[in-house]
Amino acid sequence: MQTVTFNISGMSCAGCARSISNVLNALNGVQTADVSLDQHRAVVEYDAAKVGPDVLKGAIEEAGYEVAG
């Protein structure tokens, strides 16, 4: 398993964080997705053989949020 951290802008409530968590956890290969509203970030543990950081970032952006960096 590998871990990546995304800094996310556009989250304004717990529902936003929950939406991002649901989107990430629905992806094949994601083990865990810990989304923090307070820290405006998501820490994702994933199987690199099944999914990569670009796909994870794309899923967050498709959900309507911006990934910094």
PDB file of N, CA and C in Angstrom:
ATOM      1  N   MET A   1       0.837  -1.192   0.000  1.00  0.00           N
ATOM      2  CA  MET A   1       0.000   0.000   0.000  1.00  0.00           C
ATOM      3  C   MET A   1       0.881   1.254   0.000  1.00  0.00           C
ATOM      4  N   GLN A   2       0.376   2.272  -0.655  1.00  0.00           N
ATOM      5  CA  GLN A   2       1.058   3.564  -0.666  1.00  0.00           C
ATOM      6  C   GLN A   2       0.106   4.616  -0.115  1.00  0.00           C
ATOM      7  N   THR A   3       0.662   5.734   0.306  1.00  0.00           N
ATOM      8  CA  THR A   3      -0.137   6.813   0.879  1.00  0.00           C
ATOM      9  C   THR A   3       0.187   8.114   0.162  1.00  0.00           C
ATOM     10  N   VAL A   4      -0.854   8.900  -0.114  1.00  0.00           N
ATOM     11  CA  VAL A   4      -0.687  10.211  -0.715  1.00  0.00           C
ATOM     12  C   VAL A   4      -1.592  11.187   0.031  1.00  0.00           C
ATOM     13  N   THR A   5      -1.122  12.437   0.145  1.00  0.00           N
ATOM     14  CA  THR A   5      -1.898  13.484   0.803  1.00  0.00           C
ATOM     15  C   THR A   5      -2.229  14.569  -0.211  1.00  0.00           C
ATOM     16  N   PHE A   6      -3.497  14.942  -0.270  1.00  0.00           N
ATOM     17  CA  PHE A   6      -3.946  16.016  -1.157  1.00  0.00           C
ATOM     18  C   PHE A   6      -4.435  17.184  -0.322  1.00  0.00           C
ATOM     19  N   ASN A   7      -3.990  18.387  -0.649  1.00  0.00           N
ATOM     20  CA  ASN A   7      -4.533  19.602  -0.050  1.00  0.00           C
ATOM     21  C   ASN A   7      -5.707  20.034  -0.923  1.00  0.00           C
ATOM     22  N   ILE A   8      -6.858  20.211  -0.295  1.00  0.00           N
ATOM     23  CA  ILE A   8      -8.094  20.440  -1.037  1.00  0.00           C
ATOM     24  C   ILE A   8      -8.707  21.773  -0.642  1.00  0.00           C
ATOM     25  N   SER A   9      -9.088  22.562  -1.644  1.00  0.00           N
ATOM     26  CA  SER A   9      -9.811  23.792  -1.362  1.00  0.00           C
ATOM     27  C   SER A   9     -11.234  23.634  -1.870  1.00  0.00           C
ATOM     28  N   GLY A  10     -12.143  24.363  -1.246  1.00  0.00           N
ATOM     29  CA  GLY A  10     -13.544  24.305  -1.629  1.00  0.00           C
ATOM     30  C   GLY A  10     -14.414  23.552  -0.647  1.00  0.00           C
ATOM     31  N   MET A  11     -13.809  22.909   0.346  1.00  0.00           N
ATOM     32  CA  MET A  11     -14.607  22.230   1.366  1.00  0.00           C
ATOM     33  C   MET A  11     -15.074  23.265   2.379  1.00  0.00           C
ATOM     34  N   SER A  12     -16.380  23.303   2.639  1.00  0.00           N
ATOM     35  CA  SER A  12     -16.901  24.287   3.579  1.00  0.00           C
ATOM     36  C   SER A  12     -17.715  23.676   4.714  1.00  0.00           C
ATOM     37  N   CYS A  13     -17.972  22.368   4.638  1.00  0.00           N
ATOM     38  CA  CYS A  13     -18.774  21.744   5.690  1.00  0.00           C
ATOM     39  C   CYS A  13     -18.443  20.255   5.777  1.00  0.00           C
ATOM     40  N   ALA A  14     -19.001  19.611   6.795  1.00  0.00           N
ATOM     41  CA  ALA A  14     -18.765  18.183   6.982  1.00  0.00           C
ATOM     42  C   ALA A  14     -19.315  17.376   5.811  1.00  0.00           C
ATOM     43  N   GLY A  15     -20.371  17.877   5.186  1.00  0.00           N
ATOM     44  CA  GLY A  15     -20.930  17.188   4.028  1.00  0.00           C
ATOM     45  C   GLY A  15     -19.952  17.160   2.866  1.00  0.00           C
ATOM     46  N   CYS A  16     -19.189  18.237   2.696  1.00  0.00           N
ATOM     47  CA  CYS A  16     -18.164  18.283   1.644  1.00  0.00           C
ATOM     48  C   CYS A  16     -17.121  17.199   1.889  1.00  0.00           C
ATOM     49  N   ALA A  17     -16.650  17.123   3.108  1.00  0.00           N
ATOM     50  CA  ALA A  17     -15.635  16.127   3.457  1.00  0.00           C
ATOM     51  C   ALA A  17     -16.181  14.718   3.250  1.00  0.00           C
ATOM     52  N   ARG A  18     -17.435  14.509   3.619  1.00  0.00           N
ATOM     53  CA  ARG A  18     -18.066  13.200   3.457  1.00  0.00           C
ATOM     54  C   ARG A  18     -18.192  12.856   1.964  1.00  0.00           C
ATOM     55  N   SER A  19     -18.553  13.836   1.152  1.00  0.00           N
ATOM     56  CA  SER A  19     -18.672  13.604  -0.295  1.00  0.00           C
ATOM     57  C   SER A  19     -17.343  13.164  -0.891  1.00  0.00           C
ATOM     58  N   ILE A  20     -16.268  13.856  -0.520  1.00  0.00           N
ATOM     59  CA  ILE A  20     -14.942  13.504  -1.036  1.00  0.00           C
ATOM     60  C   ILE A  20     -14.543  12.112  -0.553  1.00  0.00           C
ATOM     61  N   SER A  21     -14.810  11.828   0.698  1.00  0.00           N
ATOM     62  CA  SER A  21     -14.491  10.513   1.250  1.00  0.00           C
ATOM     63  C   SER A  21     -15.235   9.418   0.491  1.00  0.00           C
ATOM     64  N   ASN A  22     -16.515   9.645   0.212  1.00  0.00           N
ATOM     65  CA  ASN A  22     -17.313   8.654  -0.508  1.00  0.00           C
ATOM     66  C   ASN A  22     -16.786   8.433  -1.923  1.00  0.00           C
ATOM     67  N   VAL A  23     -16.426   9.514  -2.601  1.00  0.00           N
ATOM     68  CA  VAL A  23     -15.903   9.417  -3.970  1.00  0.00           C
ATOM     69  C   VAL A  23     -14.602   8.613  -3.982  1.00  0.00           C
ATOM     70  N   LEU A  24     -13.715   8.915  -3.053  1.00  0.00           N
ATOM     71  CA  LEU A  24     -12.424   8.222  -3.017  1.00  0.00           C
ATOM     72  C   LEU A  24     -12.582   6.759  -2.632  1.00  0.00           C
ATOM     73  N   ASN A  25     -13.397   6.487  -1.617  1.00  0.00           N
ATOM     74  CA  ASN A  25     -13.570   5.112  -1.162  1.00  0.00           C
ATOM     75  C   ASN A  25     -14.268   4.233  -2.193  1.00  0.00           C
ATOM     76  N   ALA A  26     -14.970   4.835  -3.140  1.00  0.00           N
ATOM     77  CA  ALA A  26     -15.657   4.068  -4.181  1.00  0.00           C
ATOM     78  C   ALA A  26     -14.696   3.583  -5.263  1.00  0.00           C
ATOM     79  N   LEU A  27     -13.495   4.143  -5.300  1.00  0.00           N
ATOM     80  CA  LEU A  27     -12.526   3.761  -6.331  1.00  0.00           C
ATOM     81  C   LEU A  27     -11.869   2.427  -6.003  1.00  0.00           C
ATOM     82  N   ASN A  28     -11.760   1.588  -7.016  1.00  0.00           N
ATOM     83  CA  ASN A  28     -11.091   0.300  -6.863  1.00  0.00           C
ATOM     84  C   ASN A  28      -9.624   0.537  -6.521  1.00  0.00           C
ATOM     85  N   GLY A  29      -9.175  -0.053  -5.436  1.00  0.00           N
ATOM     86  CA  GLY A  29      -7.777   0.082  -5.033  1.00  0.00           C
ATOM     87  C   GLY A  29      -7.577   0.996  -3.838  1.00  0.00           C
ATOM     88  N   VAL A  30      -8.590   1.767  -3.477  1.00  0.00           N
ATOM     89  CA  VAL A  30      -8.464   2.644  -2.307  1.00  0.00           C
ATOM     90  C   VAL A  30      -8.742   1.823  -1.053  1.00  0.00           C
ATOM     91  N   GLN A  31      -7.783   1.817  -0.149  1.00  0.00           N
ATOM     92  CA  GLN A  31      -7.919   1.105   1.117  1.00  0.00           C
ATOM     93  C   GLN A  31      -8.638   1.989   2.140  1.00  0.00           C
ATOM     94  N   THR A  32      -8.133   3.212   2.314  1.00  0.00           N
ATOM     95  CA  THR A  32      -8.767   4.166   3.223  1.00  0.00           C
ATOM     96  C   THR A  32      -8.619   5.574   2.651  1.00  0.00           C
ATOM     97  N   ALA A  33      -9.585   6.413   2.981  1.00  0.00           N
ATOM     98  CA  ALA A  33      -9.514   7.825   2.618  1.00  0.00           C
ATOM     99  C   ALA A  33      -9.955   8.618   3.833  1.00  0.00           C
ATOM    100  N   ASP A  34      -9.007   9.291   4.456  1.00  0.00           N
ATOM    101  CA  ASP A  34      -9.274  10.093   5.648  1.00  0.00           C
ATOM    102  C   ASP A  34      -9.312  11.558   5.219  1.00  0.00           C
ATOM    103  N   VAL A  35     -10.504  12.140   5.197  1.00  0.00           N
ATOM    104  CA  VAL A  35     -10.688  13.517   4.739  1.00  0.00           C
ATOM    105  C   VAL A  35     -10.937  14.403   5.950  1.00  0.00           C
ATOM    106  N   SER A  36     -10.118  15.437   6.105  1.00  0.00           N
ATOM    107  CA  SER A  36     -10.222  16.355   7.237  1.00  0.00           C
ATOM    108  C   SER A  36     -10.700  17.724   6.761  1.00  0.00           C
ATOM    109  N   LEU A  37     -11.875  18.130   7.244  1.00  0.00           N
ATOM    110  CA  LEU A  37     -12.394  19.461   6.924  1.00  0.00           C
ATOM    111  C   LEU A  37     -11.515  20.531   7.560  1.00  0.00           C
ATOM    112  N   ASP A  38     -11.122  20.327   8.810  1.00  0.00           N
ATOM    113  CA  ASP A  38     -10.311  21.317   9.532  1.00  0.00           C
ATOM    114  C   ASP A  38      -8.965  21.572   8.859  1.00  0.00           C
ATOM    115  N   GLN A  39      -8.348  20.523   8.356  1.00  0.00           N
ATOM    116  CA  GLN A  39      -7.027  20.655   7.744  1.00  0.00           C
ATOM    117  C   GLN A  39      -7.095  20.801   6.228  1.00  0.00           C
ATOM    118  N   HIS A  40      -8.292  20.723   5.672  1.00  0.00           N
ATOM    119  CA  HIS A  40      -8.504  20.844   4.220  1.00  0.00           C
ATOM    120  C   HIS A  40      -7.597  19.903   3.438  1.00  0.00           C
ATOM    121  N   ARG A  41      -7.617  18.635   3.850  1.00  0.00           N
ATOM    122  CA  ARG A  41      -6.792  17.670   3.149  1.00  0.00           C
ATOM    123  C   ARG A  41      -7.395  16.279   3.216  1.00  0.00           C
ATOM    124  N   ALA A  42      -6.914  15.441   2.313  1.00  0.00           N
ATOM    125  CA  ALA A  42      -7.298  14.036   2.284  1.00  0.00           C
ATOM    126  C   ALA A  42      -6.028  13.200   2.286  1.00  0.00           C
ATOM    127  N   VAL A  43      -5.990  12.214   3.145  1.00  0.00           N
ATOM    128  CA  VAL A  43      -4.885  11.262   3.192  1.00  0.00           C
ATOM    129  C   VAL A  43      -5.455   9.933   2.709  1.00  0.00           C
ATOM    130  N   VAL A  44      -4.906   9.447   1.606  1.00  0.00           N
ATOM    131  CA  VAL A  44      -5.461   8.257   0.959  1.00  0.00           C
ATOM    132  C   VAL A  44      -4.422   7.147   0.941  1.00  0.00           C
ATOM    133  N   GLU A  45      -4.816   5.980   1.419  1.00  0.00           N
ATOM    134  CA  GLU A  45      -3.979   4.791   1.336  1.00  0.00           C
ATOM    135  C   GLU A  45      -4.546   3.946   0.202  1.00  0.00           C
ATOM    136  N   TYR A  46      -3.685   3.565  -0.746  1.00  0.00           N
ATOM    137  CA  TYR A  46      -4.169   2.897  -1.942  1.00  0.00           C
ATOM    138  C   TYR A  46      -3.201   1.836  -2.436  1.00  0.00           C
ATOM    139  N   ASP A  47      -3.731   0.954  -3.269  1.00  0.00           N
ATOM    140  CA  ASP A  47      -2.939  -0.092  -3.923  1.00  0.00           C
ATOM    141  C   ASP A  47      -2.475   0.460  -5.270  1.00  0.00           C
ATOM    142  N   ALA A  48      -1.192   0.707  -5.396  1.00  0.00           N
ATOM    143  CA  ALA A  48      -0.634   1.317  -6.610  1.00  0.00           C
ATOM    144  C   ALA A  48      -0.804   0.434  -7.846  1.00  0.00           C
ATOM    145  N   ALA A  49      -1.062  -0.835  -7.668  1.00  0.00           N
ATOM    146  CA  ALA A  49      -1.289  -1.722  -8.803  1.00  0.00           C
ATOM    147  C   ALA A  49      -2.686  -1.519  -9.400  1.00  0.00           C
ATOM    148  N   LYS A  50      -3.575  -0.874  -8.638  1.00  0.00           N
ATOM    149  CA  LYS A  50      -4.960  -0.709  -9.085  1.00  0.00           C
ATOM    150  C   LYS A  50      -5.339   0.736  -9.398  1.00  0.00           C
ATOM    151  N   VAL A  51      -4.716   1.688  -8.714  1.00  0.00           N
ATOM    152  CA  VAL A  51      -5.090   3.094  -8.886  1.00  0.00           C
ATOM    153  C   VAL A  51      -3.874   3.960  -8.570  1.00  0.00           C
ATOM    154  N   GLY A  52      -3.818   5.141  -9.172  1.00  0.00           N
ATOM    155  CA  GLY A  52      -2.681   6.030  -8.948  1.00  0.00           C
ATOM    156  C   GLY A  52      -3.123   7.404  -8.491  1.00  0.00           C
ATOM    157  N   PRO A  53      -2.179   8.219  -8.067  1.00  0.00           N
ATOM    158  CA  PRO A  53      -2.484   9.562  -7.566  1.00  0.00           C
ATOM    159  C   PRO A  53      -3.233  10.433  -8.570  1.00  0.00           C
ATOM    160  N   ASP A  54      -2.942  10.290  -9.856  1.00  0.00           N
ATOM    161  CA  ASP A  54      -3.634  11.110 -10.859  1.00  0.00           C
ATOM    162  C   ASP A  54      -5.124  10.795 -10.907  1.00  0.00           C
ATOM    163  N   VAL A  55      -5.464   9.512 -10.773  1.00  0.00           N
ATOM    164  CA  VAL A  55      -6.875   9.100 -10.774  1.00  0.00           C
ATOM    165  C   VAL A  55      -7.560   9.617  -9.518  1.00  0.00           C
ATOM    166  N   LEU A  56      -6.876   9.533  -8.386  1.00  0.00           N
ATOM    167  CA  LEU A  56      -7.438  10.015  -7.125  1.00  0.00           C
ATOM    168  C   LEU A  56      -7.699  11.520  -7.201  1.00  0.00           C
ATOM    169  N   LYS A  57      -6.711  12.255  -7.690  1.00  0.00           N
ATOM    170  CA  LYS A  57      -6.842  13.708  -7.839  1.00  0.00           C
ATOM    171  C   LYS A  57      -7.997  14.038  -8.780  1.00  0.00           C
ATOM    172  N   GLY A  58      -8.086  13.318  -9.881  1.00  0.00           N
ATOM    173  CA  GLY A  58      -9.158  13.540 -10.845  1.00  0.00           C
ATOM    174  C   GLY A  58     -10.530  13.316 -10.240  1.00  0.00           C
ATOM    175  N   ALA A  59     -10.642  12.312  -9.396  1.00  0.00           N
ATOM    176  CA  ALA A  59     -11.932  12.014  -8.753  1.00  0.00           C
ATOM    177  C   ALA A  59     -12.344  13.151  -7.825  1.00  0.00           C
ATOM    178  N   ILE A  60     -11.387  13.713  -7.103  1.00  0.00           N
ATOM    179  CA  ILE A  60     -11.675  14.838  -6.205  1.00  0.00           C
ATOM    180  C   ILE A  60     -12.129  16.045  -7.029  1.00  0.00           C
ATOM    181  N   GLU A  61     -11.421  16.308  -8.131  1.00  0.00           N
ATOM    182  CA  GLU A  61     -11.751  17.450  -8.978  1.00  0.00           C
ATOM    183  C   GLU A  61     -13.106  17.255  -9.664  1.00  0.00           C
ATOM    184  N   GLU A  62     -13.424  16.032 -10.082  1.00  0.00           N
ATOM    185  CA  GLU A  62     -14.714  15.762 -10.702  1.00  0.00           C
ATOM    186  C   GLU A  62     -15.861  15.959  -9.709  1.00  0.00           C
ATOM    187  N   ALA A  63     -15.555  15.790  -8.426  1.00  0.00           N
ATOM    188  CA  ALA A  63     -16.569  15.996  -7.393  1.00  0.00           C
ATOM    189  C   ALA A  63     -16.794  17.486  -7.123  1.00  0.00           C
ATOM    190  N   GLY A  64     -15.980  18.343  -7.753  1.00  0.00           N
ATOM    191  CA  GLY A  64     -16.186  19.789  -7.645  1.00  0.00           C
ATOM    192  C   GLY A  64     -15.257  20.524  -6.702  1.00  0.00           C
ATOM    193  N   TYR A  65     -14.159  19.886  -6.337  1.00  0.00           N
ATOM    194  CA  TYR A  65     -13.203  20.512  -5.409  1.00  0.00           C
ATOM    195  C   TYR A  65     -11.870  20.693  -6.108  1.00  0.00           C
ATOM    196  N   GLU A  66     -11.060  21.574  -5.578  1.00  0.00           N
ATOM    197  CA  GLU A  66      -9.772  21.891  -6.187  1.00  0.00           C
ATOM    198  C   GLU A  66      -8.646  21.275  -5.352  1.00  0.00           C
ATOM    199  N   VAL A  67      -7.730  20.613  -6.045  1.00  0.00           N
ATOM    200  CA  VAL A  67      -6.564  20.027  -5.381  1.00  0.00           C
ATOM    201  C   VAL A  67      -5.388  20.967  -5.599  1.00  0.00           C
ATOM    202  N   ALA A  68      -4.799  21.443  -4.511  1.00  0.00           N
ATOM    203  CA  ALA A  68      -3.660  22.368  -4.594  1.00  0.00           C
ATOM    204  C   ALA A  68      -2.370  21.584  -4.758  1.00  0.00           C
ATOM    205  N   GLY A  69      -1.477  22.134  -5.575  1.00  0.00           N
ATOM    206  CA  GLY A  69      -0.158  21.530  -5.715  1.00  0.00           C
ATOM    207  C   GLY A  69      -0.038  20.493  -6.735  1.00  0.00           C
TER     208      GLY A  69
END
